[in-house]
Amino acid sequence: MERKCVLNSWSKEEVRAVIRYEWARGVSGTEIHNRLVTVYGPGVMSKQMVRRWCRTFIDGRQQVEDIPRAGRTRMATTDANVGKVDDMIRANRRITIDEVAEELGISHERVQNIIHDIRRYRKVSARWVPRQLTSTHQDQRMAVSLEHLVRYRENGNEMHLLVFAQFVEDLSL
Protein backbone atom coordinates (compact mmCIF):
# COMPACT_ATOMS: atom_id res chain seq x y z
CA MET A 1 0.00 0.00 0.00
CA GLU A 2 1.47 3.33 -1.09
CA ARG A 3 1.42 6.07 1.51
CA LYS A 4 0.35 9.46 0.14
CA CYS A 5 0.99 12.42 2.36
CA VAL A 6 0.87 15.92 0.97
CA LEU A 7 2.59 18.56 3.09
CA ASN A 8 0.81 21.88 2.77
CA SER A 9 3.75 24.12 3.56
CA TRP A 10 7.39 23.91 2.58
CA SER A 11 10.28 26.20 1.81
CA LYS A 12 12.40 26.36 -1.32
CA GLU A 13 15.44 25.45 0.75
CA GLU A 14 13.71 22.37 2.18
CA VAL A 15 12.80 21.08 -1.29
CA ARG A 16 16.31 21.79 -2.59
CA ALA A 17 17.79 19.88 0.36
CA VAL A 18 15.60 16.90 -0.51
CA ILE A 19 16.76 17.13 -4.14
CA ARG A 20 20.39 17.27 -3.02
CA TYR A 21 19.92 14.27 -0.72
CA GLU A 22 18.17 12.17 -3.36
CA TRP A 23 20.75 13.21 -6.00
CA ALA A 24 23.57 12.13 -3.65
CA ARG A 25 21.86 8.74 -3.33
CA GLY A 26 21.96 8.39 -7.13
CA VAL A 27 18.26 8.91 -7.84
CA SER A 28 17.39 10.35 -11.27
CA GLY A 29 15.89 13.83 -11.66
CA THR A 30 12.59 12.43 -12.94
CA GLU A 31 12.28 10.05 -9.99
CA ILE A 32 13.19 12.84 -7.56
CA HIS A 33 10.42 14.97 -9.09
CA ASN A 34 7.92 12.12 -8.75
CA ARG A 35 8.84 11.68 -5.08
CA LEU A 36 8.55 15.42 -4.43
CA VAL A 37 5.09 15.53 -6.02
CA THR A 38 4.00 12.55 -3.90
CA VAL A 39 5.02 14.27 -0.66
CA TYR A 40 4.59 17.98 -1.36
CA GLY A 41 1.88 17.99 -4.03
CA PRO A 42 1.88 18.86 -7.74
CA GLY A 43 2.83 22.53 -7.29
CA VAL A 44 6.14 21.86 -5.57
CA MET A 45 8.60 22.32 -8.44
CA SER A 46 8.68 21.55 -12.15
CA LYS A 47 10.56 18.55 -13.48
CA GLN A 48 12.85 20.84 -15.47
CA MET A 49 13.77 22.79 -12.34
CA VAL A 50 14.54 19.57 -10.44
CA ARG A 51 16.85 18.52 -13.27
CA ARG A 52 18.48 21.96 -13.25
CA TRP A 53 19.17 21.65 -9.49
CA CYS A 54 20.65 18.18 -10.06
CA ARG A 55 23.01 19.66 -12.69
CA THR A 56 23.90 22.46 -10.26
CA PHE A 57 24.86 19.90 -7.60
CA ILE A 58 26.84 17.92 -10.20
CA ASP A 59 28.74 21.15 -10.97
CA GLY A 60 29.80 21.28 -7.34
CA ARG A 61 27.33 23.57 -5.62
CA GLN A 62 26.87 22.65 -1.96
CA GLN A 63 24.38 25.20 -0.62
CA VAL A 64 20.63 25.09 -1.10
CA GLU A 65 20.01 28.73 -0.16
CA ASP A 66 19.64 31.43 -2.79
CA ILE A 67 22.86 33.15 -3.80
CA PRO A 68 22.61 36.95 -3.52
CA ARG A 69 22.31 38.45 -6.97
CA ALA A 70 23.65 41.67 -8.35
CA GLY A 71 21.12 44.36 -9.05
CA ARG A 72 19.25 47.13 -7.40
CA THR A 73 18.79 46.66 -3.69
CA ARG A 74 15.46 47.24 -2.08
CA MET A 75 15.87 50.68 -0.61
CA ALA A 76 12.18 51.18 0.22
CA THR A 77 11.89 48.27 2.64
CA THR A 78 13.89 49.83 5.44
CA ASP A 79 13.22 49.65 9.17
CA ALA A 80 12.30 53.34 9.08
CA ASN A 81 9.69 52.81 6.33
CA VAL A 82 8.32 49.73 8.06
CA GLY A 83 7.89 51.79 11.23
CA LYS A 84 6.26 54.66 9.33
CA VAL A 85 3.82 52.31 7.59
CA ASP A 86 2.94 50.72 10.92
CA ASP A 87 2.39 54.15 12.53
CA MET A 88 0.17 55.25 9.63
CA ILE A 89 -1.96 52.11 9.87
CA ARG A 90 -2.32 52.43 13.64
CA ALA A 91 -3.38 56.07 13.21
CA ASN A 92 -5.90 55.26 10.46
CA ARG A 93 -6.97 51.63 10.07
CA ARG A 94 -8.88 52.51 6.88
CA ILE A 95 -5.88 53.94 5.03
CA THR A 96 -5.23 52.46 1.59
CA ILE A 97 -1.99 51.10 0.17
CA ASP A 98 -1.97 53.86 -2.45
CA GLU A 99 -2.33 56.56 0.23
CA VAL A 100 0.60 55.10 2.19
CA ALA A 101 2.71 54.80 -0.98
CA GLU A 102 2.01 58.40 -1.96
CA GLU A 103 2.73 59.71 1.55
CA LEU A 104 6.06 57.87 1.82
CA GLY A 105 7.07 58.22 -1.82
CA ILE A 106 7.60 54.49 -2.36
CA SER A 107 5.97 52.05 -4.76
CA HIS A 108 2.63 50.35 -4.26
CA GLU A 109 4.36 46.95 -4.36
CA ARG A 110 6.85 47.85 -1.60
CA VAL A 111 4.04 49.15 0.65
CA GLN A 112 2.05 45.99 -0.03
CA ASN A 113 5.10 43.88 0.86
CA ILE A 114 5.60 45.80 4.11
CA ILE A 115 1.93 45.58 5.11
CA HIS A 116 1.26 41.96 4.18
CA ASP A 117 4.59 40.15 4.47
CA ILE A 118 6.58 42.10 7.05
CA ARG A 119 3.94 43.59 9.38
CA ARG A 120 1.47 40.77 8.59
CA TYR A 121 -1.68 42.91 8.42
CA ARG A 122 -4.78 41.98 6.49
CA LYS A 123 -7.95 43.86 5.57
CA VAL A 124 -11.11 43.07 7.50
CA SER A 125 -14.20 45.17 6.80
CA ALA A 126 -12.04 47.85 5.15
CA ARG A 127 -9.73 48.05 8.18
CA TRP A 128 -6.16 46.84 8.59
CA VAL A 129 -5.83 44.37 11.45
CA PRO A 130 -2.88 42.28 12.61
CA ARG A 131 -3.10 38.65 11.52
CA GLN A 132 -2.20 37.38 14.95
CA LEU A 133 -2.58 38.89 18.36
CA THR A 134 0.62 39.83 20.07
CA SER A 135 1.23 38.54 23.58
CA THR A 136 0.37 42.03 24.88
CA HIS A 137 -2.99 41.96 23.08
CA GLN A 138 -3.68 38.45 24.40
CA ASP A 139 -2.89 39.58 27.96
CA GLN A 140 -5.15 42.63 27.57
CA ARG A 141 -8.04 40.50 26.29
CA MET A 142 -7.57 38.02 29.10
CA ALA A 143 -7.57 40.80 31.71
CA VAL A 144 -10.74 42.39 30.33
CA SER A 145 -12.47 39.01 30.06
CA LEU A 146 -11.60 38.16 33.66
CA GLU A 147 -12.80 41.58 34.80
CA HIS A 148 -16.15 41.02 33.07
CA LEU A 149 -16.42 37.54 34.54
CA VAL A 150 -15.81 38.87 38.05
CA ARG A 151 -18.41 41.62 37.52
CA TYR A 152 -20.92 39.07 36.27
CA ARG A 153 -20.33 36.80 39.27
CA GLU A 154 -20.74 39.73 41.66
CA ASN A 155 -23.74 41.41 39.99
CA GLY A 156 -25.38 38.59 38.05
CA ASN A 157 -28.12 39.80 35.73
CA GLU A 158 -27.75 43.37 37.00
CA MET A 159 -24.58 43.60 34.91
CA HIS A 160 -26.64 43.26 31.73
CA LEU A 161 -28.77 46.21 32.82
CA LEU A 162 -25.64 48.28 33.51
CA VAL A 163 -24.18 47.46 30.10
CA PHE A 164 -27.49 48.21 28.37
CA ALA A 165 -27.88 51.51 30.26
CA GLN A 166 -24.36 52.56 29.25
CA PHE A 167 -25.10 51.61 25.64
CA VAL A 168 -28.30 53.71 25.59
CA GLU A 169 -26.44 56.63 27.19
CA ASP A 170 -23.73 56.44 24.53
CA LEU A 171 -26.36 56.46 21.79
CA SER A 172 -27.95 59.64 23.13
CA LEU A 173 -24.64 61.54 23.02
C-alpha atoms as a PDB file:
ATOM      1  CA  MET A   1       0.000   0.000   0.000  1.00  0.00           C
ATOM      2  CA  GLU A   2       1.471   3.325  -1.089  1.00  0.00           C
ATOM      3  CA  ARG A   3       1.422   6.071   1.513  1.00  0.00           C
ATOM      4  CA  LYS A   4       0.350   9.462   0.137  1.00  0.00           C
ATOM      5  CA  CYS A   5       0.991  12.423   2.363  1.00  0.00           C
ATOM      6  CA  VAL A   6       0.874  15.919   0.975  1.00  0.00           C
ATOM      7  CA  LEU A   7       2.590  18.559   3.090  1.00  0.00           C
ATOM      8  CA  ASN A   8       0.812  21.878   2.770  1.00  0.00           C
ATOM      9  CA  SER A   9       3.746  24.122   3.559  1.00  0.00           C
ATOM     10  CA  TRP A  10       7.391  23.911   2.580  1.00  0.00           C
ATOM     11  CA  SER A  11      10.277  26.196   1.811  1.00  0.00           C
ATOM     12  CA  LYS A  12      12.405  26.358  -1.317  1.00  0.00           C
ATOM     13  CA  GLU A  13      15.443  25.446   0.749  1.00  0.00           C
ATOM     14  CA  GLU A  14      13.712  22.369   2.175  1.00  0.00           C
ATOM     15  CA  VAL A  15      12.799  21.083  -1.294  1.00  0.00           C
ATOM     16  CA  ARG A  16      16.306  21.788  -2.587  1.00  0.00           C
ATOM     17  CA  ALA A  17      17.787  19.883   0.359  1.00  0.00           C
ATOM     18  CA  VAL A  18      15.599  16.898  -0.511  1.00  0.00           C
ATOM     19  CA  ILE A  19      16.756  17.129  -4.137  1.00  0.00           C
ATOM     20  CA  ARG A  20      20.392  17.265  -3.020  1.00  0.00           C
ATOM     21  CA  TYR A  21      19.922  14.270  -0.721  1.00  0.00           C
ATOM     22  CA  GLU A  22      18.172  12.174  -3.361  1.00  0.00           C
ATOM     23  CA  TRP A  23      20.747  13.212  -6.001  1.00  0.00           C
ATOM     24  CA  ALA A  24      23.569  12.129  -3.648  1.00  0.00           C
ATOM     25  CA  ARG A  25      21.860   8.736  -3.334  1.00  0.00           C
ATOM     26  CA  GLY A  26      21.965   8.386  -7.133  1.00  0.00           C
ATOM     27  CA  VAL A  27      18.255   8.913  -7.838  1.00  0.00           C
ATOM     28  CA  SER A  28      17.387  10.354 -11.269  1.00  0.00           C
ATOM     29  CA  GLY A  29      15.892  13.828 -11.656  1.00  0.00           C
ATOM     30  CA  THR A  30      12.589  12.434 -12.943  1.00  0.00           C
ATOM     31  CA  GLU A  31      12.283  10.048  -9.992  1.00  0.00           C
ATOM     32  CA  ILE A  32      13.186  12.841  -7.559  1.00  0.00           C
ATOM     33  CA  HIS A  33      10.423  14.975  -9.085  1.00  0.00           C
ATOM     34  CA  ASN A  34       7.915  12.116  -8.750  1.00  0.00           C
ATOM     35  CA  ARG A  35       8.836  11.678  -5.077  1.00  0.00           C
ATOM     36  CA  LEU A  36       8.550  15.418  -4.429  1.00  0.00           C
ATOM     37  CA  VAL A  37       5.086  15.527  -6.016  1.00  0.00           C
ATOM     38  CA  THR A  38       4.000  12.554  -3.898  1.00  0.00           C
ATOM     39  CA  VAL A  39       5.023  14.265  -0.661  1.00  0.00           C
ATOM     40  CA  TYR A  40       4.593  17.982  -1.364  1.00  0.00           C
ATOM     41  CA  GLY A  41       1.879  17.988  -4.031  1.00  0.00           C
ATOM     42  CA  PRO A  42       1.885  18.859  -7.739  1.00  0.00           C
ATOM     43  CA  GLY A  43       2.834  22.525  -7.291  1.00  0.00           C
ATOM     44  CA  VAL A  44       6.140  21.860  -5.573  1.00  0.00           C
ATOM     45  CA  MET A  45       8.604  22.323  -8.443  1.00  0.00           C
ATOM     46  CA  SER A  46       8.685  21.552 -12.153  1.00  0.00           C
ATOM     47  CA  LYS A  47      10.557  18.548 -13.485  1.00  0.00           C
ATOM     48  CA  GLN A  48      12.854  20.838 -15.469  1.00  0.00           C
ATOM     49  CA  MET A  49      13.770  22.795 -12.335  1.00  0.00           C
ATOM     50  CA  VAL A  50      14.536  19.569 -10.441  1.00  0.00           C
ATOM     51  CA  ARG A  51      16.851  18.519 -13.268  1.00  0.00           C
ATOM     52  CA  ARG A  52      18.484  21.962 -13.246  1.00  0.00           C
ATOM     53  CA  TRP A  53      19.174  21.647  -9.488  1.00  0.00           C
ATOM     54  CA  CYS A  54      20.655  18.178 -10.060  1.00  0.00           C
ATOM     55  CA  ARG A  55      23.010  19.663 -12.687  1.00  0.00           C
ATOM     56  CA  THR A  56      23.904  22.460 -10.265  1.00  0.00           C
ATOM     57  CA  PHE A  57      24.857  19.900  -7.601  1.00  0.00           C
ATOM     58  CA  ILE A  58      26.835  17.923 -10.203  1.00  0.00           C
ATOM     59  CA  ASP A  59      28.745  21.146 -10.972  1.00  0.00           C
ATOM     60  CA  GLY A  60      29.804  21.282  -7.337  1.00  0.00           C
ATOM     61  CA  ARG A  61      27.329  23.567  -5.616  1.00  0.00           C
ATOM     62  CA  GLN A  62      26.870  22.651  -1.961  1.00  0.00           C
ATOM     63  CA  GLN A  63      24.383  25.196  -0.623  1.00  0.00           C
ATOM     64  CA  VAL A  64      20.633  25.085  -1.105  1.00  0.00           C
ATOM     65  CA  GLU A  65      20.013  28.733  -0.160  1.00  0.00           C
ATOM     66  CA  ASP A  66      19.642  31.434  -2.790  1.00  0.00           C
ATOM     67  CA  ILE A  67      22.864  33.146  -3.799  1.00  0.00           C
ATOM     68  CA  PRO A  68      22.606  36.948  -3.516  1.00  0.00           C
ATOM     69  CA  ARG A  69      22.305  38.449  -6.972  1.00  0.00           C
ATOM     70  CA  ALA A  70      23.647  41.671  -8.355  1.00  0.00           C
ATOM     71  CA  GLY A  71      21.118  44.359  -9.050  1.00  0.00           C
ATOM     72  CA  ARG A  72      19.254  47.130  -7.404  1.00  0.00           C
ATOM     73  CA  THR A  73      18.791  46.658  -3.693  1.00  0.00           C
ATOM     74  CA  ARG A  74      15.458  47.235  -2.078  1.00  0.00           C
ATOM     75  CA  MET A  75      15.867  50.683  -0.613  1.00  0.00           C
ATOM     76  CA  ALA A  76      12.184  51.179   0.216  1.00  0.00           C
ATOM     77  CA  THR A  77      11.893  48.275   2.638  1.00  0.00           C
ATOM     78  CA  THR A  78      13.887  49.832   5.440  1.00  0.00           C
ATOM     79  CA  ASP A  79      13.217  49.650   9.168  1.00  0.00           C
ATOM     80  CA  ALA A  80      12.302  53.338   9.080  1.00  0.00           C
ATOM     81  CA  ASN A  81       9.694  52.814   6.330  1.00  0.00           C
ATOM     82  CA  VAL A  82       8.316  49.727   8.055  1.00  0.00           C
ATOM     83  CA  GLY A  83       7.894  51.792  11.228  1.00  0.00           C
ATOM     84  CA  LYS A  84       6.258  54.663   9.332  1.00  0.00           C
ATOM     85  CA  VAL A  85       3.824  52.311   7.591  1.00  0.00           C
ATOM     86  CA  ASP A  86       2.937  50.718  10.921  1.00  0.00           C
ATOM     87  CA  ASP A  87       2.387  54.151  12.531  1.00  0.00           C
ATOM     88  CA  MET A  88       0.171  55.252   9.627  1.00  0.00           C
ATOM     89  CA  ILE A  89      -1.955  52.113   9.866  1.00  0.00           C
ATOM     90  CA  ARG A  90      -2.318  52.434  13.640  1.00  0.00           C
ATOM     91  CA  ALA A  91      -3.382  56.072  13.207  1.00  0.00           C
ATOM     92  CA  ASN A  92      -5.902  55.258  10.458  1.00  0.00           C
ATOM     93  CA  ARG A  93      -6.971  51.630  10.074  1.00  0.00           C
ATOM     94  CA  ARG A  94      -8.880  52.511   6.884  1.00  0.00           C
ATOM     95  CA  ILE A  95      -5.877  53.935   5.028  1.00  0.00           C
ATOM     96  CA  THR A  96      -5.229  52.456   1.588  1.00  0.00           C
ATOM     97  CA  ILE A  97      -1.991  51.104   0.175  1.00  0.00           C
ATOM     98  CA  ASP A  98      -1.973  53.862  -2.449  1.00  0.00           C
ATOM     99  CA  GLU A  99      -2.326  56.555   0.227  1.00  0.00           C
ATOM    100  CA  VAL A 100       0.597  55.099   2.189  1.00  0.00           C
ATOM    101  CA  ALA A 101       2.707  54.802  -0.984  1.00  0.00           C
ATOM    102  CA  GLU A 102       2.011  58.405  -1.956  1.00  0.00           C
ATOM    103  CA  GLU A 103       2.731  59.710   1.547  1.00  0.00           C
ATOM    104  CA  LEU A 104       6.058  57.873   1.820  1.00  0.00           C
ATOM    105  CA  GLY A 105       7.071  58.224  -1.823  1.00  0.00           C
ATOM    106  CA  ILE A 106       7.602  54.489  -2.362  1.00  0.00           C
ATOM    107  CA  SER A 107       5.968  52.049  -4.761  1.00  0.00           C
ATOM    108  CA  HIS A 108       2.633  50.348  -4.265  1.00  0.00           C
ATOM    109  CA  GLU A 109       4.360  46.945  -4.363  1.00  0.00           C
ATOM    110  CA  ARG A 110       6.853  47.854  -1.598  1.00  0.00           C
ATOM    111  CA  VAL A 111       4.043  49.146   0.645  1.00  0.00           C
ATOM    112  CA  GLN A 112       2.052  45.991  -0.033  1.00  0.00           C
ATOM    113  CA  ASN A 113       5.102  43.882   0.857  1.00  0.00           C
ATOM    114  CA  ILE A 114       5.601  45.796   4.112  1.00  0.00           C
ATOM    115  CA  ILE A 115       1.934  45.577   5.112  1.00  0.00           C
ATOM    116  CA  HIS A 116       1.258  41.959   4.181  1.00  0.00           C
ATOM    117  CA  ASP A 117       4.587  40.154   4.468  1.00  0.00           C
ATOM    118  CA  ILE A 118       6.580  42.103   7.048  1.00  0.00           C
ATOM    119  CA  ARG A 119       3.943  43.591   9.378  1.00  0.00           C
ATOM    120  CA  ARG A 120       1.468  40.765   8.589  1.00  0.00           C
ATOM    121  CA  TYR A 121      -1.679  42.911   8.423  1.00  0.00           C
ATOM    122  CA  ARG A 122      -4.779  41.977   6.489  1.00  0.00           C
ATOM    123  CA  LYS A 123      -7.952  43.865   5.571  1.00  0.00           C
ATOM    124  CA  VAL A 124     -11.112  43.066   7.501  1.00  0.00           C
ATOM    125  CA  SER A 125     -14.200  45.167   6.800  1.00  0.00           C
ATOM    126  CA  ALA A 126     -12.042  47.854   5.153  1.00  0.00           C
ATOM    127  CA  ARG A 127      -9.727  48.048   8.178  1.00  0.00           C
ATOM    128  CA  TRP A 128      -6.156  46.842   8.591  1.00  0.00           C
ATOM    129  CA  VAL A 129      -5.833  44.370  11.449  1.00  0.00           C
ATOM    130  CA  PRO A 130      -2.882  42.284  12.615  1.00  0.00           C
ATOM    131  CA  ARG A 131      -3.103  38.652  11.518  1.00  0.00           C
ATOM    132  CA  GLN A 132      -2.199  37.384  14.947  1.00  0.00           C
ATOM    133  CA  LEU A 133      -2.578  38.890  18.365  1.00  0.00           C
ATOM    134  CA  THR A 134       0.622  39.829  20.070  1.00  0.00           C
ATOM    135  CA  SER A 135       1.230  38.543  23.578  1.00  0.00           C
ATOM    136  CA  THR A 136       0.368  42.028  24.878  1.00  0.00           C
ATOM    137  CA  HIS A 137      -2.993  41.957  23.084  1.00  0.00           C
ATOM    138  CA  GLN A 138      -3.680  38.453  24.396  1.00  0.00           C
ATOM    139  CA  ASP A 139      -2.887  39.582  27.958  1.00  0.00           C
ATOM    140  CA  GLN A 140      -5.153  42.629  27.571  1.00  0.00           C
ATOM    141  CA  ARG A 141      -8.037  40.504  26.285  1.00  0.00           C
ATOM    142  CA  MET A 142      -7.574  38.018  29.095  1.00  0.00           C
ATOM    143  CA  ALA A 143      -7.572  40.800  31.709  1.00  0.00           C
ATOM    144  CA  VAL A 144     -10.741  42.394  30.328  1.00  0.00           C
ATOM    145  CA  SER A 145     -12.467  39.014  30.062  1.00  0.00           C
ATOM    146  CA  LEU A 146     -11.604  38.159  33.658  1.00  0.00           C
ATOM    147  CA  GLU A 147     -12.801  41.580  34.796  1.00  0.00           C
ATOM    148  CA  HIS A 148     -16.154  41.016  33.070  1.00  0.00           C
ATOM    149  CA  LEU A 149     -16.417  37.536  34.537  1.00  0.00           C
ATOM    150  CA  VAL A 150     -15.813  38.866  38.054  1.00  0.00           C
ATOM    151  CA  ARG A 151     -18.411  41.616  37.520  1.00  0.00           C
ATOM    152  CA  TYR A 152     -20.925  39.072  36.270  1.00  0.00           C
ATOM    153  CA  ARG A 153     -20.333  36.798  39.270  1.00  0.00           C
ATOM    154  CA  GLU A 154     -20.743  39.732  41.658  1.00  0.00           C
ATOM    155  CA  ASN A 155     -23.735  41.407  39.991  1.00  0.00           C
ATOM    156  CA  GLY A 156     -25.382  38.592  38.054  1.00  0.00           C
ATOM    157  CA  ASN A 157     -28.118  39.802  35.731  1.00  0.00           C
ATOM    158  CA  GLU A 158     -27.753  43.371  37.000  1.00  0.00           C
ATOM    159  CA  MET A 159     -24.577  43.598  34.909  1.00  0.00           C
ATOM    160  CA  HIS A 160     -26.643  43.265  31.728  1.00  0.00           C
ATOM    161  CA  LEU A 161     -28.768  46.207  32.821  1.00  0.00           C
ATOM    162  CA  LEU A 162     -25.635  48.283  33.513  1.00  0.00           C
ATOM    163  CA  VAL A 163     -24.178  47.458  30.098  1.00  0.00           C
ATOM    164  CA  PHE A 164     -27.491  48.214  28.369  1.00  0.00           C
ATOM    165  CA  ALA A 165     -27.885  51.511  30.264  1.00  0.00           C
ATOM    166  CA  GLN A 166     -24.359  52.557  29.250  1.00  0.00           C
ATOM    167  CA  PHE A 167     -25.105  51.612  25.637  1.00  0.00           C
ATOM    168  CA  VAL A 168     -28.302  53.715  25.588  1.00  0.00           C
ATOM    169  CA  GLU A 169     -26.441  56.632  27.192  1.00  0.00           C
ATOM    170  CA  ASP A 170     -23.729  56.438  24.533  1.00  0.00           C
ATOM    171  CA  LEU A 171     -26.358  56.461  21.789  1.00  0.00           C
ATOM    172  CA  SER A 172     -27.946  59.641  23.127  1.00  0.00           C
ATOM    173  CA  LEU A 173     -24.641  61.540  23.016  1.00  0.00           C
END
